[in-house]
Amino acid sequence: MLAPVMHSRERINASSYDQMLLWVTLILLGLGLVMVYSASIAIAEADKAVGHQSTYYLMRQAVFIVIGLVAALVTFQVPIAGWQKMAPYLFLLGLFLLVLVLIPGVGRNVNGSQRCYLYL
């Protein structure tokens, strides 16, 4: 039996996602949080700059995970046809950002690699 053909305007509902992949990803994110906390608790407690808060790096990592999950949810709401339409412009944006680090005053050479000061 053939699978139903999805039109470009249809959105994928939550039940059609790979549940195992979702759980593995969430478990890995949780383990990553535990590892960050375990590796940074002593450093954070000794660091005056973070106010001797032992959970500083844990909270920081958790905030970045939440930002990433929200960005993923927004990304999944865009239909494939939308991504296909935006692909050439996104490619040009990526190319522009790669060239941006080569501009003197914007890019910085550290140990042989070129980096950018700007945070876009």
PDB file of N, CA and C in Angstrom:
ATOM      1  N   MET A   1       0.835  -1.168   0.000  1.00  0.00           N
ATOM      2  CA  MET A   1       0.000   0.000   0.000  1.00  0.00           C
ATOM      3  C   MET A   1       0.886   1.238   0.000  1.00  0.00           C
ATOM      4  N   LEU A   2       0.559   2.207  -0.796  1.00  0.00           N
ATOM      5  CA  LEU A   2       1.338   3.430  -0.895  1.00  0.00           C
ATOM      6  C   LEU A   2       0.977   4.390   0.225  1.00  0.00           C
ATOM      7  N   ALA A   3       1.982   5.128   0.673  1.00  0.00           N
ATOM      8  CA  ALA A   3       1.749   6.128   1.708  1.00  0.00           C
ATOM      9  C   ALA A   3       1.036   7.322   1.087  1.00  0.00           C
ATOM     10  N   PRO A   4       0.194   8.002   1.849  1.00  0.00           N
ATOM     11  CA  PRO A   4      -0.502   9.165   1.291  1.00  0.00           C
ATOM     12  C   PRO A   4       0.478  10.276   0.948  1.00  0.00           C
ATOM     13  N   VAL A   5       0.215  10.958  -0.147  1.00  0.00           N
ATOM     14  CA  VAL A   5       1.070  12.044  -0.595  1.00  0.00           C
ATOM     15  C   VAL A   5       0.664  13.309   0.162  1.00  0.00           C
ATOM     16  N   MET A   6       1.663  13.989   0.740  1.00  0.00           N
ATOM     17  CA  MET A   6       1.381  15.227   1.457  1.00  0.00           C
ATOM     18  C   MET A   6       1.549  16.402   0.512  1.00  0.00           C
ATOM     19  N   HIS A   7       0.653  17.323   0.550  1.00  0.00           N
ATOM     20  CA  HIS A   7       0.777  18.544  -0.225  1.00  0.00           C
ATOM     21  C   HIS A   7       1.693  19.499   0.506  1.00  0.00           C
ATOM     22  N   SER A   8       2.295  20.443  -0.232  1.00  0.00           N
ATOM     23  CA  SER A   8       3.289  21.335   0.357  1.00  0.00           C
ATOM     24  C   SER A   8       2.700  22.241   1.438  1.00  0.00           C
ATOM     25  N   ARG A   9       1.388  22.489   1.430  1.00  0.00           N
ATOM     26  CA  ARG A   9       0.776  23.369   2.424  1.00  0.00           C
ATOM     27  C   ARG A   9       0.388  22.635   3.700  1.00  0.00           C
ATOM     28  N   GLU A  10       0.365  21.318   3.666  1.00  0.00           N
ATOM     29  CA  GLU A  10      -0.012  20.556   4.853  1.00  0.00           C
ATOM     30  C   GLU A  10       1.117  20.565   5.868  1.00  0.00           C
ATOM     31  N   ARG A  11       0.753  20.663   7.103  1.00  0.00           N
ATOM     32  CA  ARG A  11       1.746  20.600   8.174  1.00  0.00           C
ATOM     33  C   ARG A  11       1.756  19.184   8.733  1.00  0.00           C
ATOM     34  N   ILE A  12       2.908  18.805   9.226  1.00  0.00           N
ATOM     35  CA  ILE A  12       3.037  17.483   9.818  1.00  0.00           C
ATOM     36  C   ILE A  12       2.545  17.569  11.258  1.00  0.00           C
ATOM     37  N   ASN A  13       1.634  16.689  11.639  1.00  0.00           N
ATOM     38  CA  ASN A  13       1.148  16.722  13.020  1.00  0.00           C
ATOM     39  C   ASN A  13       2.119  15.989  13.933  1.00  0.00           C
ATOM     40  N   ALA A  14       1.958  16.193  15.229  1.00  0.00           N
ATOM     41  CA  ALA A  14       2.901  15.664  16.212  1.00  0.00           C
ATOM     42  C   ALA A  14       2.976  14.143  16.187  1.00  0.00           C
ATOM     43  N   SER A  15       1.903  13.459  15.808  1.00  0.00           N
ATOM     44  CA  SER A  15       1.929  12.006  15.839  1.00  0.00           C
ATOM     45  C   SER A  15       2.752  11.410  14.688  1.00  0.00           C
ATOM     46  N   SER A  16       3.075  12.209  13.681  1.00  0.00           N
ATOM     47  CA  SER A  16       3.847  11.673  12.559  1.00  0.00           C
ATOM     48  C   SER A  16       5.356  11.825  12.755  1.00  0.00           C
ATOM     49  N   TYR A  17       5.781  12.460  13.837  1.00  0.00           N
ATOM     50  CA  TYR A  17       7.208  12.554  14.124  1.00  0.00           C
ATOM     51  C   TYR A  17       7.718  11.218  14.640  1.00  0.00           C
ATOM     52  N   ASP A  18       8.988  11.002  14.496  1.00  0.00           N
ATOM     53  CA  ASP A  18       9.629   9.798  14.999  1.00  0.00           C
ATOM     54  C   ASP A  18       9.750   9.917  16.522  1.00  0.00           C
ATOM     55  N   GLN A  19       8.898   9.220  17.235  1.00  0.00           N
ATOM     56  CA  GLN A  19       8.848   9.318  18.696  1.00  0.00           C
ATOM     57  C   GLN A  19      10.157   8.857  19.352  1.00  0.00           C
ATOM     58  N   MET A  20      10.757   7.805  18.811  1.00  0.00           N
ATOM     59  CA  MET A  20      12.011   7.296  19.382  1.00  0.00           C
ATOM     60  C   MET A  20      13.121   8.335  19.247  1.00  0.00           C
ATOM     61  N   LEU A  21      13.200   8.984  18.102  1.00  0.00           N
ATOM     62  CA  LEU A  21      14.205  10.019  17.898  1.00  0.00           C
ATOM     63  C   LEU A  21      13.985  11.185  18.855  1.00  0.00           C
ATOM     64  N   LEU A  22      12.754  11.555  19.066  1.00  0.00           N
ATOM     65  CA  LEU A  22      12.431  12.632  19.991  1.00  0.00           C
ATOM     66  C   LEU A  22      12.870  12.285  21.411  1.00  0.00           C
ATOM     67  N   TRP A  23      12.559  11.072  21.873  1.00  0.00           N
ATOM     68  CA  TRP A  23      12.946  10.671  23.229  1.00  0.00           C
ATOM     69  C   TRP A  23      14.452  10.555  23.392  1.00  0.00           C
ATOM     70  N   VAL A  24      15.118  10.013  22.387  1.00  0.00           N
ATOM     71  CA  VAL A  24      16.585   9.909  22.465  1.00  0.00           C
ATOM     72  C   VAL A  24      17.208  11.297  22.539  1.00  0.00           C
ATOM     73  N   THR A  25      16.683  12.220  21.756  1.00  0.00           N
ATOM     74  CA  THR A  25      17.196  13.589  21.777  1.00  0.00           C
ATOM     75  C   THR A  25      16.977  14.236  23.138  1.00  0.00           C
ATOM     76  N   LEU A  26      15.793  14.081  23.705  1.00  0.00           N
ATOM     77  CA  LEU A  26      15.510  14.663  25.021  1.00  0.00           C
ATOM     78  C   LEU A  26      16.370  14.030  26.119  1.00  0.00           C
ATOM     79  N   ILE A  27      16.585  12.732  26.034  1.00  0.00           N
ATOM     80  CA  ILE A  27      17.446  12.055  27.015  1.00  0.00           C
ATOM     81  C   ILE A  27      18.880  12.546  26.900  1.00  0.00           C
ATOM     82  N   LEU A  28      19.364  12.714  25.662  1.00  0.00           N
ATOM     83  CA  LEU A  28      20.723  13.227  25.478  1.00  0.00           C
ATOM     84  C   LEU A  28      20.852  14.663  25.974  1.00  0.00           C
ATOM     85  N   LEU A  29      19.827  15.473  25.769  1.00  0.00           N
ATOM     86  CA  LEU A  29      19.850  16.839  26.300  1.00  0.00           C
ATOM     87  C   LEU A  29      19.887  16.815  27.828  1.00  0.00           C
ATOM     88  N   GLY A  30      19.126  15.937  28.439  1.00  0.00           N
ATOM     89  CA  GLY A  30      19.138  15.809  29.898  1.00  0.00           C
ATOM     90  C   GLY A  30      20.485  15.340  30.417  1.00  0.00           C
ATOM     91  N   LEU A  31      21.056  14.342  29.756  1.00  0.00           N
ATOM     92  CA  LEU A  31      22.392  13.871  30.160  1.00  0.00           C
ATOM     93  C   LEU A  31      23.438  14.967  29.973  1.00  0.00           C
ATOM     94  N   GLY A  32      23.290  15.755  28.918  1.00  0.00           N
ATOM     95  CA  GLY A  32      24.210  16.870  28.690  1.00  0.00           C
ATOM     96  C   GLY A  32      24.127  17.893  29.806  1.00  0.00           C
ATOM     97  N   LEU A  33      22.905  18.162  30.279  1.00  0.00           N
ATOM     98  CA  LEU A  33      22.757  19.080  31.410  1.00  0.00           C
ATOM     99  C   LEU A  33      23.455  18.542  32.657  1.00  0.00           C
ATOM    100  N   VAL A  34      23.295  17.257  32.914  1.00  0.00           N
ATOM    101  CA  VAL A  34      23.957  16.643  34.072  1.00  0.00           C
ATOM    102  C   VAL A  34      25.476  16.738  33.932  1.00  0.00           C
ATOM    103  N   MET A  35      25.979  16.503  32.732  1.00  0.00           N
ATOM    104  CA  MET A  35      27.430  16.561  32.515  1.00  0.00           C
ATOM    105  C   MET A  35      27.961  17.984  32.676  1.00  0.00           C
ATOM    106  N   VAL A  36      27.228  18.970  32.151  1.00  0.00           N
ATOM    107  CA  VAL A  36      27.660  20.367  32.312  1.00  0.00           C
ATOM    108  C   VAL A  36      27.685  20.734  33.788  1.00  0.00           C
ATOM    109  N   TYR A  37      26.652  20.351  34.516  1.00  0.00           N
ATOM    110  CA  TYR A  37      26.612  20.665  35.952  1.00  0.00           C
ATOM    111  C   TYR A  37      27.738  19.962  36.692  1.00  0.00           C
ATOM    112  N   SER A  38      27.954  18.692  36.379  1.00  0.00           N
ATOM    113  CA  SER A  38      28.997  17.923  37.047  1.00  0.00           C
ATOM    114  C   SER A  38      30.386  18.492  36.766  1.00  0.00           C
ATOM    115  N   ALA A  39      30.610  18.916  35.529  1.00  0.00           N
ATOM    116  CA  ALA A  39      31.941  19.415  35.160  1.00  0.00           C
ATOM    117  C   ALA A  39      32.189  20.842  35.631  1.00  0.00           C
ATOM    118  N   SER A  40      31.126  21.621  35.898  1.00  0.00           N
ATOM    119  CA  SER A  40      31.336  23.041  36.177  1.00  0.00           C
ATOM    120  C   SER A  40      30.971  23.471  37.593  1.00  0.00           C
ATOM    121  N   ILE A  41      30.501  22.583  38.423  1.00  0.00           N
ATOM    122  CA  ILE A  41      30.051  22.990  39.761  1.00  0.00           C
ATOM    123  C   ILE A  41      31.194  23.593  40.578  1.00  0.00           C
ATOM    124  N   ALA A  42      32.363  22.984  40.546  1.00  0.00           N
ATOM    125  CA  ALA A  42      33.488  23.491  41.336  1.00  0.00           C
ATOM    126  C   ALA A  42      34.012  24.805  40.767  1.00  0.00           C
ATOM    127  N   ILE A  43      34.039  24.904  39.448  1.00  0.00           N
ATOM    128  CA  ILE A  43      34.521  26.135  38.807  1.00  0.00           C
ATOM    129  C   ILE A  43      33.585  27.290  39.131  1.00  0.00           C
ATOM    130  N   ALA A  44      32.276  27.049  39.045  1.00  0.00           N
ATOM    131  CA  ALA A  44      31.301  28.106  39.305  1.00  0.00           C
ATOM    132  C   ALA A  44      31.332  28.550  40.764  1.00  0.00           C
ATOM    133  N   GLU A  45      31.498  27.607  41.688  1.00  0.00           N
ATOM    134  CA  GLU A  45      31.546  27.978  43.103  1.00  0.00           C
ATOM    135  C   GLU A  45      32.782  28.803  43.428  1.00  0.00           C
ATOM    136  N   ALA A  46      33.869  28.586  42.708  1.00  0.00           N
ATOM    137  CA  ALA A  46      35.103  29.304  42.978  1.00  0.00           C
ATOM    138  C   ALA A  46      35.200  30.623  42.220  1.00  0.00           C
ATOM    139  N   ASP A  47      34.343  30.830  41.235  1.00  0.00           N
ATOM    140  CA  ASP A  47      34.437  32.006  40.382  1.00  0.00           C
ATOM    141  C   ASP A  47      33.643  33.172  40.970  1.00  0.00           C
ATOM    142  N   LYS A  48      34.367  34.229  41.276  1.00  0.00           N
ATOM    143  CA  LYS A  48      33.740  35.421  41.833  1.00  0.00           C
ATOM    144  C   LYS A  48      32.858  36.121  40.792  1.00  0.00           C
ATOM    145  N   ALA A  49      33.211  36.011  39.497  1.00  0.00           N
ATOM    146  CA  ALA A  49      32.483  36.687  38.427  1.00  0.00           C
ATOM    147  C   ALA A  49      31.044  36.193  38.293  1.00  0.00           C
ATOM    148  N   VAL A  50      30.771  34.951  38.681  1.00  0.00           N
ATOM    149  CA  VAL A  50      29.410  34.409  38.580  1.00  0.00           C
ATOM    150  C   VAL A  50      28.716  34.409  39.937  1.00  0.00           C
ATOM    151  N   GLY A  51      29.301  35.088  40.900  1.00  0.00           N
ATOM    152  CA  GLY A  51      28.681  35.211  42.219  1.00  0.00           C
ATOM    153  C   GLY A  51      28.713  33.948  43.047  1.00  0.00           C
ATOM    154  N   HIS A  52      29.675  33.082  42.780  1.00  0.00           N
ATOM    155  CA  HIS A  52      29.833  31.825  43.510  1.00  0.00           C
ATOM    156  C   HIS A  52      28.569  30.963  43.470  1.00  0.00           C
ATOM    157  N   GLN A  53      27.809  31.067  42.395  1.00  0.00           N
ATOM    158  CA  GLN A  53      26.596  30.264  42.229  1.00  0.00           C
ATOM    159  C   GLN A  53      26.959  28.939  41.578  1.00  0.00           C
ATOM    160  N   SER A  54      26.723  27.860  42.268  1.00  0.00           N
ATOM    161  CA  SER A  54      27.119  26.547  41.751  1.00  0.00           C
ATOM    162  C   SER A  54      26.293  26.119  40.539  1.00  0.00           C
ATOM    163  N   THR A  55      25.114  26.687  40.372  1.00  0.00           N
ATOM    164  CA  THR A  55      24.256  26.297  39.249  1.00  0.00           C
ATOM    165  C   THR A  55      24.319  27.278  38.079  1.00  0.00           C
ATOM    166  N   TYR A  56      25.275  28.182  38.074  1.00  0.00           N
ATOM    167  CA  TYR A  56      25.350  29.204  37.031  1.00  0.00           C
ATOM    168  C   TYR A  56      25.417  28.584  35.637  1.00  0.00           C
ATOM    169  N   TYR A  57      26.370  27.693  35.411  1.00  0.00           N
ATOM    170  CA  TYR A  57      26.538  27.102  34.079  1.00  0.00           C
ATOM    171  C   TYR A  57      25.398  26.142  33.741  1.00  0.00           C
ATOM    172  N   LEU A  58      24.825  25.501  34.732  1.00  0.00           N
ATOM    173  CA  LEU A  58      23.664  24.640  34.504  1.00  0.00           C
ATOM    174  C   LEU A  58      22.481  25.464  33.993  1.00  0.00           C
ATOM    175  N   MET A  59      22.198  26.577  34.649  1.00  0.00           N
ATOM    176  CA  MET A  59      21.089  27.438  34.227  1.00  0.00           C
ATOM    177  C   MET A  59      21.356  28.050  32.859  1.00  0.00           C
ATOM    178  N   ARG A  60      22.586  28.429  32.641  1.00  0.00           N
ATOM    179  CA  ARG A  60      22.948  29.004  31.339  1.00  0.00           C
ATOM    180  C   ARG A  60      22.724  27.983  30.225  1.00  0.00           C
ATOM    181  N   GLN A  61      23.165  26.752  30.439  1.00  0.00           N
ATOM    182  CA  GLN A  61      22.974  25.689  29.456  1.00  0.00           C
ATOM    183  C   GLN A  61      21.488  25.387  29.260  1.00  0.00           C
ATOM    184  N   ALA A  62      20.722  25.385  30.333  1.00  0.00           N
ATOM    185  CA  ALA A  62      19.285  25.122  30.246  1.00  0.00           C
ATOM    186  C   ALA A  62      18.573  26.206  29.438  1.00  0.00           C
ATOM    187  N   VAL A  63      18.975  27.451  29.613  1.00  0.00           N
ATOM    188  CA  VAL A  63      18.392  28.548  28.834  1.00  0.00           C
ATOM    189  C   VAL A  63      18.687  28.349  27.355  1.00  0.00           C
ATOM    190  N   PHE A  64      19.915  27.973  27.019  1.00  0.00           N
ATOM    191  CA  PHE A  64      20.266  27.755  25.617  1.00  0.00           C
ATOM    192  C   PHE A  64      19.512  26.560  25.034  1.00  0.00           C
ATOM    193  N   ILE A  65      19.270  25.540  25.845  1.00  0.00           N
ATOM    194  CA  ILE A  65      18.489  24.392  25.369  1.00  0.00           C
ATOM    195  C   ILE A  65      17.053  24.819  25.086  1.00  0.00           C
ATOM    196  N   VAL A  66      16.473  25.613  25.970  1.00  0.00           N
ATOM    197  CA  VAL A  66      15.099  26.084  25.750  1.00  0.00           C
ATOM    198  C   VAL A  66      15.028  26.950  24.496  1.00  0.00           C
ATOM    199  N   ILE A  67      15.996  27.837  24.308  1.00  0.00           N
ATOM    200  CA  ILE A  67      16.037  28.662  23.096  1.00  0.00           C
ATOM    201  C   ILE A  67      16.131  27.777  21.858  1.00  0.00           C
ATOM    202  N   GLY A  68      16.961  26.757  21.916  1.00  0.00           N
ATOM    203  CA  GLY A  68      17.101  25.838  20.791  1.00  0.00           C
ATOM    204  C   GLY A  68      15.828  25.053  20.509  1.00  0.00           C
ATOM    205  N   LEU A  69      15.143  24.615  21.559  1.00  0.00           N
ATOM    206  CA  LEU A  69      13.889  23.878  21.377  1.00  0.00           C
ATOM    207  C   LEU A  69      12.794  24.768  20.787  1.00  0.00           C
ATOM    208  N   VAL A  70      12.729  26.019  21.242  1.00  0.00           N
ATOM    209  CA  VAL A  70      11.756  26.958  20.674  1.00  0.00           C
ATOM    210  C   VAL A  70      12.072  27.219  19.204  1.00  0.00           C
ATOM    211  N   ALA A  71      13.354  27.407  18.888  1.00  0.00           N
ATOM    212  CA  ALA A  71      13.747  27.609  17.491  1.00  0.00           C
ATOM    213  C   ALA A  71      13.399  26.386  16.646  1.00  0.00           C
ATOM    214  N   ALA A  72      13.565  25.193  17.210  1.00  0.00           N
ATOM    215  CA  ALA A  72      13.219  23.968  16.480  1.00  0.00           C
ATOM    216  C   ALA A  72      11.721  23.892  16.237  1.00  0.00           C
ATOM    217  N   LEU A  73      10.918  24.241  17.234  1.00  0.00           N
ATOM    218  CA  LEU A  73       9.461  24.218  17.060  1.00  0.00           C
ATOM    219  C   LEU A  73       9.013  25.207  15.987  1.00  0.00           C
ATOM    220  N   VAL A  74       9.614  26.386  15.981  1.00  0.00           N
ATOM    221  CA  VAL A  74       9.279  27.374  14.949  1.00  0.00           C
ATOM    222  C   VAL A  74       9.703  26.869  13.574  1.00  0.00           C
ATOM    223  N   THR A  75      10.881  26.275  13.503  1.00  0.00           N
ATOM    224  CA  THR A  75      11.390  25.757  12.238  1.00  0.00           C
ATOM    225  C   THR A  75      10.495  24.660  11.695  1.00  0.00           C
ATOM    226  N   PHE A  76       9.992  23.794  12.549  1.00  0.00           N
ATOM    227  CA  PHE A  76       9.136  22.697  12.097  1.00  0.00           C
ATOM    228  C   PHE A  76       7.771  23.175  11.607  1.00  0.00           C
ATOM    229  N   GLN A  77       7.379  24.393  11.956  1.00  0.00           N
ATOM    230  CA  GLN A  77       6.096  24.918  11.515  1.00  0.00           C
ATOM    231  C   GLN A  77       6.141  25.466  10.091  1.00  0.00           C
ATOM    232  N   VAL A  78       7.345  25.689   9.564  1.00  0.00           N
ATOM    233  CA  VAL A  78       7.488  26.194   8.196  1.00  0.00           C
ATOM    234  C   VAL A  78       7.369  25.008   7.243  1.00  0.00           C
ATOM    235  N   PRO A  79       6.466  25.088   6.273  1.00  0.00           N
ATOM    236  CA  PRO A  79       6.321  23.986   5.318  1.00  0.00           C
ATOM    237  C   PRO A  79       7.580  23.810   4.463  1.00  0.00           C
ATOM    238  N   ILE A  80       7.782  22.604   3.967  1.00  0.00           N
ATOM    239  CA  ILE A  80       8.954  22.297   3.145  1.00  0.00           C
ATOM    240  C   ILE A  80       9.040  23.236   1.947  1.00  0.00           C
ATOM    241  N   ALA A  81       7.896  23.552   1.345  1.00  0.00           N
ATOM    242  CA  ALA A  81       7.893  24.455   0.187  1.00  0.00           C
ATOM    243  C   ALA A  81       8.459  25.824   0.570  1.00  0.00           C
ATOM    244  N   GLY A  82       8.194  26.260   1.796  1.00  0.00           N
ATOM    245  CA  GLY A  82       8.753  27.528   2.262  1.00  0.00           C
ATOM    246  C   GLY A  82      10.261  27.487   2.362  1.00  0.00           C
ATOM    247  N   TRP A  83      10.788  26.381   2.880  1.00  0.00           N
ATOM    248  CA  TRP A  83      12.248  26.231   2.971  1.00  0.00           C
ATOM    249  C   TRP A  83      12.872  26.168   1.583  1.00  0.00           C
ATOM    250  N   GLN A  84      12.198  25.476   0.666  1.00  0.00           N
ATOM    251  CA  GLN A  84      12.711  25.385  -0.699  1.00  0.00           C
ATOM    252  C   GLN A  84      12.723  26.755  -1.371  1.00  0.00           C
ATOM    253  N   LYS A  85      11.718  27.563  -1.082  1.00  0.00           N
ATOM    254  CA  LYS A  85      11.654  28.901  -1.667  1.00  0.00           C
ATOM    255  C   LYS A  85      12.744  29.810  -1.074  1.00  0.00           C
ATOM    256  N   MET A  86      13.022  29.650   0.224  1.00  0.00           N
ATOM    257  CA  MET A  86      14.015  30.497   0.896  1.00  0.00           C
ATOM    258  C   MET A  86      15.449  29.995   0.732  1.00  0.00           C
ATOM    259  N   ALA A  87      15.642  28.783   0.229  1.00  0.00           N
ATOM    260  CA  ALA A  87      16.967  28.160   0.172  1.00  0.00           C
ATOM    261  C   ALA A  87      18.022  29.014  -0.527  1.00  0.00           C
ATOM    262  N   PRO A  88      17.761  29.593  -1.705  1.00  0.00           N
ATOM    263  CA  PRO A  88      18.806  30.402  -2.350  1.00  0.00           C
ATOM    264  C   PRO A  88      19.208  31.613  -1.511  1.00  0.00           C
ATOM    265  N   TYR A  89      18.232  32.245  -0.853  1.00  0.00           N
ATOM    266  CA  TYR A  89      18.532  33.418  -0.028  1.00  0.00           C
ATOM    267  C   TYR A  89      19.295  33.023   1.237  1.00  0.00           C
ATOM    268  N   LEU A  90      18.935  31.906   1.828  1.00  0.00           N
ATOM    269  CA  LEU A  90      19.661  31.420   3.000  1.00  0.00           C
ATOM    270  C   LEU A  90      21.088  31.039   2.636  1.00  0.00           C
ATOM    271  N   PHE A  91      21.272  30.465   1.450  1.00  0.00           N
ATOM    272  CA  PHE A  91      22.616  30.138   0.982  1.00  0.00           C
ATOM    273  C   PHE A  91      23.450  31.405   0.825  1.00  0.00           C
ATOM    274  N   LEU A  92      22.871  32.432   0.218  1.00  0.00           N
ATOM    275  CA  LEU A  92      23.601  33.696   0.041  1.00  0.00           C
ATOM    276  C   LEU A  92      23.913  34.346   1.385  1.00  0.00           C
ATOM    277  N   LEU A  93      22.978  34.259   2.341  1.00  0.00           N
ATOM    278  CA  LEU A  93      23.234  34.785   3.677  1.00  0.00           C
ATOM    279  C   LEU A  93      24.409  34.055   4.336  1.00  0.00           C
ATOM    280  N   GLY A  94      24.424  32.734   4.230  1.00  0.00           N
ATOM    281  CA  GLY A  94      25.533  31.956   4.785  1.00  0.00           C
ATOM    282  C   GLY A  94      26.858  32.303   4.132  1.00  0.00           C
ATOM    283  N   LEU A  95      26.834  32.477   2.827  1.00  0.00           N
ATOM    284  CA  LEU A  95      28.048  32.855   2.093  1.00  0.00           C
ATOM    285  C   LEU A  95      28.529  34.233   2.539  1.00  0.00           C
ATOM    286  N   PHE A  96      27.596  35.172   2.698  1.00  0.00           N
ATOM    287  CA  PHE A  96      27.941  36.513   3.170  1.00  0.00           C
ATOM    288  C   PHE A  96      28.576  36.455   4.554  1.00  0.00           C
ATOM    289  N   LEU A  97      28.021  35.654   5.448  1.00  0.00           N
ATOM    290  CA  LEU A  97      28.569  35.554   6.800  1.00  0.00           C
ATOM    291  C   LEU A  97      29.959  34.922   6.801  1.00  0.00           C
ATOM    292  N   LEU A  98      30.202  33.984   5.873  1.00  0.00           N
ATOM    293  CA  LEU A  98      31.537  33.399   5.768  1.00  0.00           C
ATOM    294  C   LEU A  98      32.557  34.425   5.291  1.00  0.00           C
ATOM    295  N   VAL A  99      32.159  35.282   4.359  1.00  0.00           N
ATOM    296  CA  VAL A  99      33.064  36.313   3.841  1.00  0.00           C
ATOM    297  C   VAL A  99      33.257  37.416   4.872  1.00  0.00           C
ATOM    298  N   LEU A 100      32.257  37.650   5.704  1.00  0.00           N
ATOM    299  CA  LEU A 100      32.303  38.712   6.707  1.00  0.00           C
ATOM    300  C   LEU A 100      33.506  38.578   7.640  1.00  0.00           C
ATOM    301  N   VAL A 101      33.872  37.371   8.016  1.00  0.00           N
ATOM    302  CA  VAL A 101      34.998  37.198   8.950  1.00  0.00           C
ATOM    303  C   VAL A 101      36.336  37.524   8.305  1.00  0.00           C
ATOM    304  N   LEU A 102      36.381  37.586   6.990  1.00  0.00           N
ATOM    305  CA  LEU A 102      37.630  37.908   6.306  1.00  0.00           C
ATOM    306  C   LEU A 102      37.887  39.402   6.223  1.00  0.00           C
ATOM    307  N   ILE A 103      36.908  40.228   6.538  1.00  0.00           N
ATOM    308  CA  ILE A 103      37.049  41.681   6.469  1.00  0.00           C
ATOM    309  C   ILE A 103      37.872  42.155   7.666  1.00  0.00           C
ATOM    310  N   PRO A 104      38.962  42.901   7.408  1.00  0.00           N
ATOM    311  CA  PRO A 104      39.774  43.401   8.526  1.00  0.00           C
ATOM    312  C   PRO A 104      38.943  44.284   9.449  1.00  0.00           C
ATOM    313  N   GLY A 105      39.124  44.118  10.731  1.00  0.00           N
ATOM    314  CA  GLY A 105      38.373  44.874  11.715  1.00  0.00           C
ATOM    315  C   GLY A 105      37.134  44.139  12.198  1.00  0.00           C
ATOM    316  N   VAL A 106      36.614  43.237  11.385  1.00  0.00           N
ATOM    317  CA  VAL A 106      35.464  42.436  11.785  1.00  0.00           C
ATOM    318  C   VAL A 106      35.955  41.072  12.231  1.00  0.00           C
ATOM    319  N   GLY A 107      36.798  40.461  11.392  1.00  0.00           N
ATOM    320  CA  GLY A 107      37.342  39.150  11.723  1.00  0.00           C
ATOM    321  C   GLY A 107      38.592  39.280  12.564  1.00  0.00           C
ATOM    322  N   ARG A 108      38.862  38.266  13.320  1.00  0.00           N
ATOM    323  CA  ARG A 108      40.045  38.241  14.190  1.00  0.00           C
ATOM    324  C   ARG A 108      40.735  36.898  14.018  1.00  0.00           C
ATOM    325  N   ASN A 109      42.038  36.912  13.874  1.00  0.00           N
ATOM    326  CA  ASN A 109      42.806  35.693  13.696  1.00  0.00           C
ATOM    327  C   ASN A 109      43.302  35.212  15.056  1.00  0.00           C
ATOM    328  N   VAL A 110      42.852  34.019  15.453  1.00  0.00           N
ATOM    329  CA  VAL A 110      43.258  33.435  16.730  1.00  0.00           C
ATOM    330  C   VAL A 110      43.789  32.037  16.461  1.00  0.00           C
ATOM    331  N   ASN A 111      45.081  31.835  16.733  1.00  0.00           N
ATOM    332  CA  ASN A 111      45.719  30.530  16.544  1.00  0.00           C
ATOM    333  C   ASN A 111      45.484  29.956  15.148  1.00  0.00           C
ATOM    334  N   GLY A 112      45.514  30.808  14.142  1.00  0.00           N
ATOM    335  CA  GLY A 112      45.387  30.348  12.768  1.00  0.00           C
ATOM    336  C   GLY A 112      43.975  30.235  12.242  1.00  0.00           C
ATOM    337  N   SER A 113      42.963  30.453  13.079  1.00  0.00           N
ATOM    338  CA  SER A 113      41.580  30.409  12.590  1.00  0.00           C
ATOM    339  C   SER A 113      40.987  31.811  12.625  1.00  0.00           C
ATOM    340  N   GLN A 114      40.160  32.088  11.652  1.00  0.00           N
ATOM    341  CA  GLN A 114      39.548  33.413  11.532  1.00  0.00           C
ATOM    342  C   GLN A 114      38.192  33.398  12.256  1.00  0.00           C
ATOM    343  N   ARG A 115      37.973  34.367  13.132  1.00  0.00           N
ATOM    344  CA  ARG A 115      36.735  34.430  13.896  1.00  0.00           C
ATOM    345  C   ARG A 115      36.111  35.804  13.743  1.00  0.00           C
ATOM    346  N   CYS A 116      34.860  35.904  14.123  1.00  0.00           N
ATOM    347  CA  CYS A 116      34.131  37.155  13.955  1.00  0.00           C
ATOM    348  C   CYS A 116      33.776  37.724  15.316  1.00  0.00           C
ATOM    349  N   TYR A 117      33.909  39.038  15.465  1.00  0.00           N
ATOM    350  CA  TYR A 117      33.521  39.718  16.686  1.00  0.00           C
ATOM    351  C   TYR A 117      32.018  39.909  16.783  1.00  0.00           C
ATOM    352  N   LEU A 118      31.357  40.033  15.644  1.00  0.00           N
ATOM    353  CA  LEU A 118      29.927  40.317  15.639  1.00  0.00           C
ATOM    354  C   LEU A 118      29.141  39.112  16.071  1.00  0.00           C
ATOM    355  N   TYR A 119      28.111  39.342  16.868  1.00  0.00           N
ATOM    356  CA  TYR A 119      27.199  38.276  17.272  1.00  0.00           C
ATOM    357  C   TYR A 119      25.854  38.579  16.660  1.00  0.00           C
ATOM    358  N   LEU A 120      25.540  37.890  15.568  1.00  0.00           N
ATOM    359  CA  LEU A 120      24.291  38.146  14.859  1.00  0.00           C
ATOM    360  C   LEU A 120      23.185  37.291  15.408  1.00  0.00           C
TER     361      LEU A 120
END
